[in-house]
């Protein structure tokens, strides 16, 4: 993992207690863009995941697909392509590959796709199914078993590989409308469950770090940047991080996901991408929303470094 230009290091830990919500989107004082650091030899990074990695049901799905290598030849750009563009804008050279399958967990990738994956990588980003286990929602058993198997395979190829686990967001459909372990609970609860499973994988040394995407979404709710309940309308001045099914991400949701991954993997302050960050404009995010999301990503990653 590369160290940040500002020297902050992301350290995974238990789920964070968020501060009380502030009214409206709160944006920290902007930091000036840093001078790009030119990285000559490319670092390889592999994304393994499902529709949450693909950017499904949004314009992110096919965005800049030609800039990344889709190992399944499905033509997906997705969150990996956003990462690639962020890295380029920061002067970093990453060779980005992805292997994804909608609706699947890590067990599927290991059992059916490992011939595609079994090669040396510098960084691997794993993302499991949205409920951890489709048949037993909230049960981390499959995550623990298959993150360990995948990690063992990757470390045999490159003992220095950095393996990060993406801990994702709460699903509004399972919180507000559908019977589930999280039905009727606060919207933050599901992301906290997912983070708990990720913490176990970290404790078992299956992974080297956790990417706190779900907690960044929770922070966006708490700070008034994003509306926590899409079923009662989106409040003025807030964004909806979910798309039409209240399950997958919207453009804003995937943008926030990619920012957190970028900051965690590279150590670069996401705010340093600045007002001229290209993906936000390409995808139709307003400068105000994009800046607020970059700030949320930075503050969540910063919070991960504090003692718990």
Protein backbone atom coordinates (compact mmCIF):
# COMPACT_ATOMS: atom_id res chain seq x y z
CA UNK A 1 0.00 0.00 0.00
CA UNK A 2 1.35 3.44 -0.90
CA UNK A 3 1.66 6.05 1.82
CA UNK A 4 -0.29 9.26 1.47
CA UNK A 5 1.20 12.58 0.49
CA UNK A 6 -0.01 13.93 3.82
CA UNK A 7 1.26 10.91 5.71
CA UNK A 8 -2.01 9.63 7.08
CA UNK A 9 -2.29 5.87 7.25
CA UNK A 10 -5.55 3.99 7.25
CA UNK A 11 -5.90 1.51 10.13
CA UNK A 12 -8.96 -0.73 10.24
CA UNK A 13 -10.90 -1.23 13.46
CA UNK A 14 -14.36 -1.66 14.94
CA UNK A 15 -17.45 0.17 13.68
CA UNK A 16 -17.38 3.90 14.37
CA UNK A 17 -19.84 5.84 16.52
CA UNK A 18 -20.89 8.73 14.31
CA UNK A 19 -21.36 12.31 15.46
CA UNK A 20 -24.85 13.83 15.57
CA UNK A 21 -26.25 14.97 12.26
CA UNK A 22 -25.68 18.53 11.16
CA UNK A 23 -28.23 20.39 9.12
CA UNK A 24 -27.46 20.27 5.43
CA UNK A 25 -24.33 19.11 3.63
CA UNK A 26 -21.23 20.11 5.60
CA UNK A 27 -18.00 20.54 3.68
CA UNK A 28 -14.62 21.09 5.37
CA UNK A 29 -12.35 23.92 4.33
CA UNK A 30 -11.00 22.78 0.95
CA UNK A 31 -7.38 21.77 0.72
CA UNK A 32 -5.37 22.96 -2.27
CA UNK A 33 -4.64 20.27 -4.85
CA UNK A 34 -1.29 18.63 -4.25
CA UNK A 35 1.35 18.49 -6.93
CA UNK A 36 1.07 15.11 -8.68
CA UNK A 37 3.70 12.52 -7.83
CA UNK A 38 4.67 10.70 -10.98
CA UNK A 39 4.92 6.98 -10.38
CA UNK A 40 6.84 5.32 -13.18
CA UNK A 41 6.43 1.54 -12.79
CA UNK A 42 2.74 0.58 -12.66
CA UNK A 43 1.31 -1.13 -9.63
CA UNK A 44 -1.20 -3.88 -10.33
CA UNK A 45 -4.55 -3.88 -8.56
CA UNK A 46 -7.33 -6.44 -8.87
CA UNK A 47 -10.96 -5.80 -7.89
CA UNK A 48 -13.07 -8.88 -7.09
CA UNK A 49 -16.75 -8.29 -6.48
CA UNK A 50 -20.29 -8.18 -7.75
CA UNK A 51 -22.83 -5.55 -8.80
CA UNK A 52 -21.60 -3.15 -6.11
CA UNK A 53 -18.17 -3.21 -7.78
CA UNK A 54 -19.68 -3.04 -11.26
CA UNK A 55 -21.63 0.15 -10.55
CA UNK A 56 -24.78 -1.72 -11.60
CA UNK A 57 -27.97 0.17 -12.53
CA UNK A 58 -26.10 3.41 -13.11
CA UNK A 59 -23.96 5.14 -15.71
CA UNK A 60 -20.92 3.99 -13.74
CA UNK A 61 -21.32 0.43 -15.07
CA UNK A 62 -19.79 1.10 -18.52
CA UNK A 63 -17.88 4.24 -17.62
CA UNK A 64 -14.37 4.30 -19.14
CA UNK A 65 -14.38 0.52 -19.55
CA UNK A 66 -11.50 0.72 -22.04
CA UNK A 67 -9.17 2.03 -19.32
CA UNK A 68 -9.34 -1.14 -17.20
CA UNK A 69 -9.00 -4.87 -17.87
CA UNK A 70 -12.18 -6.86 -17.30
CA UNK A 71 -10.98 -10.44 -16.89
CA UNK A 72 -14.41 -11.77 -17.88
CA UNK A 73 -14.59 -9.58 -21.02
CA UNK A 74 -17.96 -8.19 -19.99
CA UNK A 75 -17.05 -4.59 -20.78
CA UNK A 76 -17.42 -3.28 -17.22
CA UNK A 77 -15.69 -0.10 -16.12
CA UNK A 78 -17.48 0.49 -12.85
CA UNK A 79 -15.85 1.47 -9.59
CA UNK A 80 -12.44 0.17 -10.79
CA UNK A 81 -12.53 2.66 -13.69
CA UNK A 82 -13.32 5.49 -11.26
CA UNK A 83 -10.34 4.38 -9.16
CA UNK A 84 -8.15 4.36 -12.28
CA UNK A 85 -9.16 7.92 -13.21
CA UNK A 86 -8.66 9.21 -9.66
CA UNK A 87 -5.19 7.63 -9.61
CA UNK A 88 -4.27 9.19 -12.95
CA UNK A 89 -5.37 12.61 -11.74
CA UNK A 90 -3.17 12.14 -8.67
CA UNK A 91 -0.17 11.23 -10.84
CA UNK A 92 -0.22 7.56 -9.86
CA UNK A 93 0.26 4.68 -12.26
CA UNK A 94 -2.04 1.72 -11.57
CA UNK A 95 -2.76 -1.15 -13.91
CA UNK A 96 -6.36 -1.95 -12.96
CA UNK A 97 -8.10 -5.29 -13.48
CA UNK A 98 -11.46 -6.58 -12.31
CA UNK A 99 -13.36 -9.84 -12.06
CA UNK A 100 -17.02 -9.45 -11.14
CA UNK A 101 -20.29 -11.35 -11.16
CA UNK A 102 -23.59 -9.84 -10.06
CA UNK A 103 -25.28 -11.40 -7.06
CA UNK A 104 -22.29 -13.47 -5.96
CA UNK A 105 -20.03 -13.66 -2.93
CA UNK A 106 -16.38 -14.56 -2.51
CA UNK A 107 -17.20 -18.28 -2.54
CA UNK A 108 -18.28 -18.03 -6.19
CA UNK A 109 -15.07 -16.29 -7.25
CA UNK A 110 -12.84 -18.83 -5.53
CA UNK A 111 -14.79 -21.90 -6.59
CA UNK A 112 -15.35 -20.96 -10.25
CA UNK A 113 -12.99 -18.16 -11.26
CA UNK A 114 -9.70 -18.70 -9.49
CA UNK A 115 -7.95 -19.71 -12.73
CA UNK A 116 -8.50 -16.11 -13.85
CA UNK A 117 -7.28 -14.69 -10.57
CA UNK A 118 -4.29 -16.85 -9.65
CA UNK A 119 -1.39 -14.58 -10.57
CA UNK A 120 0.81 -12.03 -8.78
CA UNK A 121 -0.88 -8.75 -7.81
CA UNK A 122 0.36 -5.78 -5.79
CA UNK A 123 -3.08 -4.97 -4.36
CA UNK A 124 -6.35 -6.93 -4.25
CA UNK A 125 -9.70 -5.42 -3.25
CA UNK A 126 -12.27 -8.02 -2.18
CA UNK A 127 -15.99 -7.37 -1.94
CA UNK A 128 -18.42 -9.96 -0.63
CA UNK A 129 -22.19 -10.35 -1.09
CA UNK A 130 -24.27 -7.47 0.30
CA UNK A 131 -25.70 -9.49 3.22
CA UNK A 132 -22.54 -11.60 3.78
CA UNK A 133 -24.50 -14.83 3.29
CA UNK A 134 -27.53 -14.95 1.00
CA UNK A 135 -29.19 -17.78 2.95
CA UNK A 136 -28.16 -16.62 6.42
CA UNK A 137 -28.02 -12.82 6.25
CA UNK A 138 -25.46 -11.35 8.58
CA UNK A 139 -23.55 -14.62 9.06
CA UNK A 140 -19.83 -14.01 8.34
CA UNK A 141 -18.91 -17.69 7.95
CA UNK A 142 -18.56 -17.68 4.18
CA UNK A 143 -16.68 -14.39 4.25
CA UNK A 144 -14.16 -15.73 6.74
CA UNK A 145 -13.62 -19.02 4.90
CA UNK A 146 -13.28 -17.64 1.39
CA UNK A 147 -11.38 -14.46 2.18
CA UNK A 148 -8.84 -16.76 3.81
CA UNK A 149 -8.70 -19.09 0.80
CA UNK A 150 -8.31 -16.23 -1.66
CA UNK A 151 -5.70 -14.53 0.51
CA UNK A 152 -3.68 -17.74 0.73
CA UNK A 153 -3.72 -18.08 -3.05
CA UNK A 154 -2.64 -14.48 -3.63
CA UNK A 155 0.11 -14.58 -1.01
CA UNK A 156 1.60 -17.68 -2.58
CA UNK A 157 2.01 -15.72 -5.79
CA UNK A 158 3.21 -12.51 -4.10
CA UNK A 159 3.94 -12.57 -0.36
CA UNK A 160 3.95 -8.76 -0.35
CA UNK A 161 0.44 -8.41 -1.81
CA UNK A 162 -1.85 -5.99 0.02
CA UNK A 163 -5.38 -7.40 0.46
CA UNK A 164 -8.15 -4.96 1.32
CA UNK A 165 -11.75 -5.90 2.14
CA UNK A 166 -14.48 -3.51 1.03
CA UNK A 167 -17.15 -3.28 3.76
CA UNK A 168 -20.25 -1.97 2.00
CA UNK A 169 -23.44 -0.05 2.72
CA UNK A 170 -26.81 -0.63 4.31
CA UNK A 171 -29.59 -1.58 1.93
CA UNK A 172 -32.65 0.63 2.27
CA UNK A 173 -34.89 -2.11 0.87
CA UNK A 174 -33.88 -4.48 3.70
CA UNK A 175 -34.23 -1.78 6.34
CA UNK A 176 -37.52 -0.12 5.46
CA UNK A 177 -39.56 -2.54 3.32
CA UNK A 178 -38.45 -6.18 3.47
CA UNK A 179 -38.26 -8.71 6.26
CA UNK A 180 -34.61 -9.08 7.23
CA UNK A 181 -32.40 -8.98 10.34
CA UNK A 182 -32.20 -5.20 9.82
CA UNK A 183 -35.88 -4.45 9.20
CA UNK A 184 -37.10 -1.63 11.42
CA UNK A 185 -33.63 -0.85 12.75
CA UNK A 186 -31.65 2.37 12.07
CA UNK A 187 -30.32 2.64 8.55
CA UNK A 188 -26.78 2.51 9.97
CA UNK A 189 -27.25 -0.96 11.47
CA UNK A 190 -26.67 -3.11 8.40
CA UNK A 191 -23.39 -1.38 7.54
CA UNK A 192 -22.28 -1.94 11.14
CA UNK A 193 -23.04 -5.68 10.81
CA UNK A 194 -21.00 -5.88 7.61
CA UNK A 195 -18.14 -4.05 9.28
CA UNK A 196 -18.28 -6.52 12.15
CA UNK A 197 -17.75 -9.40 9.71
CA UNK A 198 -14.90 -7.51 8.08
CA UNK A 199 -13.29 -6.97 11.47
CA UNK A 200 -13.26 -10.73 12.02
CA UNK A 201 -11.55 -11.27 8.66
CA UNK A 202 -8.95 -8.71 9.68
CA UNK A 203 -8.47 -10.33 13.09
CA UNK A 204 -7.98 -13.70 11.36
CA UNK A 205 -5.32 -12.08 9.15
CA UNK A 206 -7.19 -13.07 6.03
CA UNK A 207 -7.00 -9.43 4.93
CA UNK A 208 -4.59 -6.60 5.62
CA UNK A 209 -7.11 -3.78 5.86
CA UNK A 210 -10.74 -2.74 5.65
CA UNK A 211 -12.18 -0.14 3.29
CA UNK A 212 -15.01 1.55 5.27
CA UNK A 213 -17.43 2.35 2.47
CA UNK A 214 -20.58 1.52 4.44
CA UNK A 215 -19.45 3.72 7.29
CA UNK A 216 -18.74 6.55 4.87
CA UNK A 217 -22.37 6.25 3.72
CA UNK A 218 -23.44 6.36 7.38
CA UNK A 219 -21.34 9.48 7.87
CA UNK A 220 -22.99 11.09 4.85
CA UNK A 221 -26.40 10.41 6.45
CA UNK A 222 -25.31 11.74 9.83
CA UNK A 223 -23.84 14.92 8.36
CA UNK A 224 -26.87 15.72 6.22
CA UNK A 225 -25.08 15.18 2.92
CA UNK A 226 -27.30 12.21 1.97
CA UNK A 227 -30.93 11.38 2.70
CA UNK A 228 -31.16 8.25 4.89
CA UNK A 229 -34.66 7.23 3.77
CA UNK A 230 -35.39 7.18 0.02
CA UNK A 231 -38.96 6.01 0.58
CA UNK A 232 -40.19 9.34 1.95
CA UNK A 233 -38.64 11.51 -0.74
CA UNK A 234 -35.21 13.10 -0.95
CA UNK A 235 -34.83 16.21 1.15
CA UNK A 236 -33.78 19.39 -0.61
CA UNK A 237 -30.02 19.84 -0.60
CA UNK A 238 -29.34 16.15 0.01
CA UNK A 239 -28.43 13.34 -2.36
CA UNK A 240 -29.82 9.83 -2.67
CA UNK A 241 -26.95 7.34 -2.48
CA UNK A 242 -29.16 4.50 -3.71
CA UNK A 243 -30.49 3.98 -7.22
CA UNK A 244 -34.11 3.18 -8.12
CA UNK A 245 -34.18 -0.23 -6.39
CA UNK A 246 -33.01 1.22 -3.02
CA UNK A 247 -30.41 -1.58 -3.00
CA UNK A 248 -27.62 -0.70 -5.41
CA UNK A 249 -25.78 2.59 -5.46
CA UNK A 250 -26.65 5.69 -7.43
CA UNK A 251 -23.95 7.59 -9.29
CA UNK A 252 -23.32 9.53 -6.07
CA UNK A 253 -23.19 6.31 -4.05
CA UNK A 254 -20.64 4.67 -6.33
CA UNK A 255 -18.63 7.88 -6.52
CA UNK A 256 -18.36 7.88 -2.72
CA UNK A 257 -17.43 4.19 -2.76
CA UNK A 258 -14.65 4.81 -5.28
CA UNK A 259 -13.32 7.79 -3.32
CA UNK A 260 -13.02 5.74 -0.12
CA UNK A 261 -11.27 2.90 -1.97
CA UNK A 262 -8.92 5.36 -3.66
CA UNK A 263 -7.99 7.06 -0.40
CA UNK A 264 -7.53 3.79 1.49
CA UNK A 265 -5.42 2.07 -1.17
CA UNK A 266 -3.21 5.00 -2.19
CA UNK A 267 -3.12 7.05 1.02
CA UNK A 268 -3.92 10.18 -0.99
CA UNK A 269 -6.38 12.67 0.50
CA UNK A 270 -9.50 12.40 -1.73
CA UNK A 271 -10.06 16.14 -1.33
CA UNK A 272 -6.82 16.80 -3.22
CA UNK A 273 -8.56 15.69 -6.44
CA UNK A 274 -10.07 19.15 -6.35
CA UNK A 275 -12.92 20.97 -8.03
CA UNK A 276 -11.80 19.94 -11.51
CA UNK A 277 -12.04 16.19 -10.79
CA UNK A 278 -13.16 14.74 -14.13
CA UNK A 279 -15.44 11.83 -13.23
CA UNK A 280 -17.85 13.99 -11.26
CA UNK A 281 -18.43 16.26 -14.23
CA UNK A 282 -18.61 13.36 -16.70
CA UNK A 283 -21.28 11.63 -14.60
CA UNK A 284 -23.34 14.71 -13.84
CA UNK A 285 -22.55 15.34 -10.18
CA UNK A 286 -22.67 18.97 -9.19
CA UNK A 287 -19.45 20.56 -7.91
CA UNK A 288 -21.09 21.04 -4.50
CA UNK A 289 -22.15 17.39 -4.18
CA UNK A 290 -18.82 16.08 -5.45
CA UNK A 291 -16.89 18.24 -2.98
CA UNK A 292 -19.14 17.11 -0.11
CA UNK A 293 -18.58 13.45 -1.00
CA UNK A 294 -14.81 13.92 -1.25
CA UNK A 295 -14.90 15.51 2.19
CA UNK A 296 -16.97 12.64 3.63
CA UNK A 297 -14.49 10.10 2.23
CA UNK A 298 -11.55 11.97 3.73
CA UNK A 299 -13.13 12.32 7.16
CA UNK A 300 -14.15 8.66 7.34
CA UNK A 301 -10.65 7.55 6.43
CA UNK A 302 -9.17 10.02 8.91
CA UNK A 303 -11.48 8.65 11.63
CA UNK A 304 -10.11 5.15 11.00
CA UNK A 305 -6.69 6.29 12.24
CA UNK A 306 -7.96 7.44 15.63
CA UNK A 307 -7.88 5.19 18.71
CA UNK A 308 -11.19 3.47 19.40
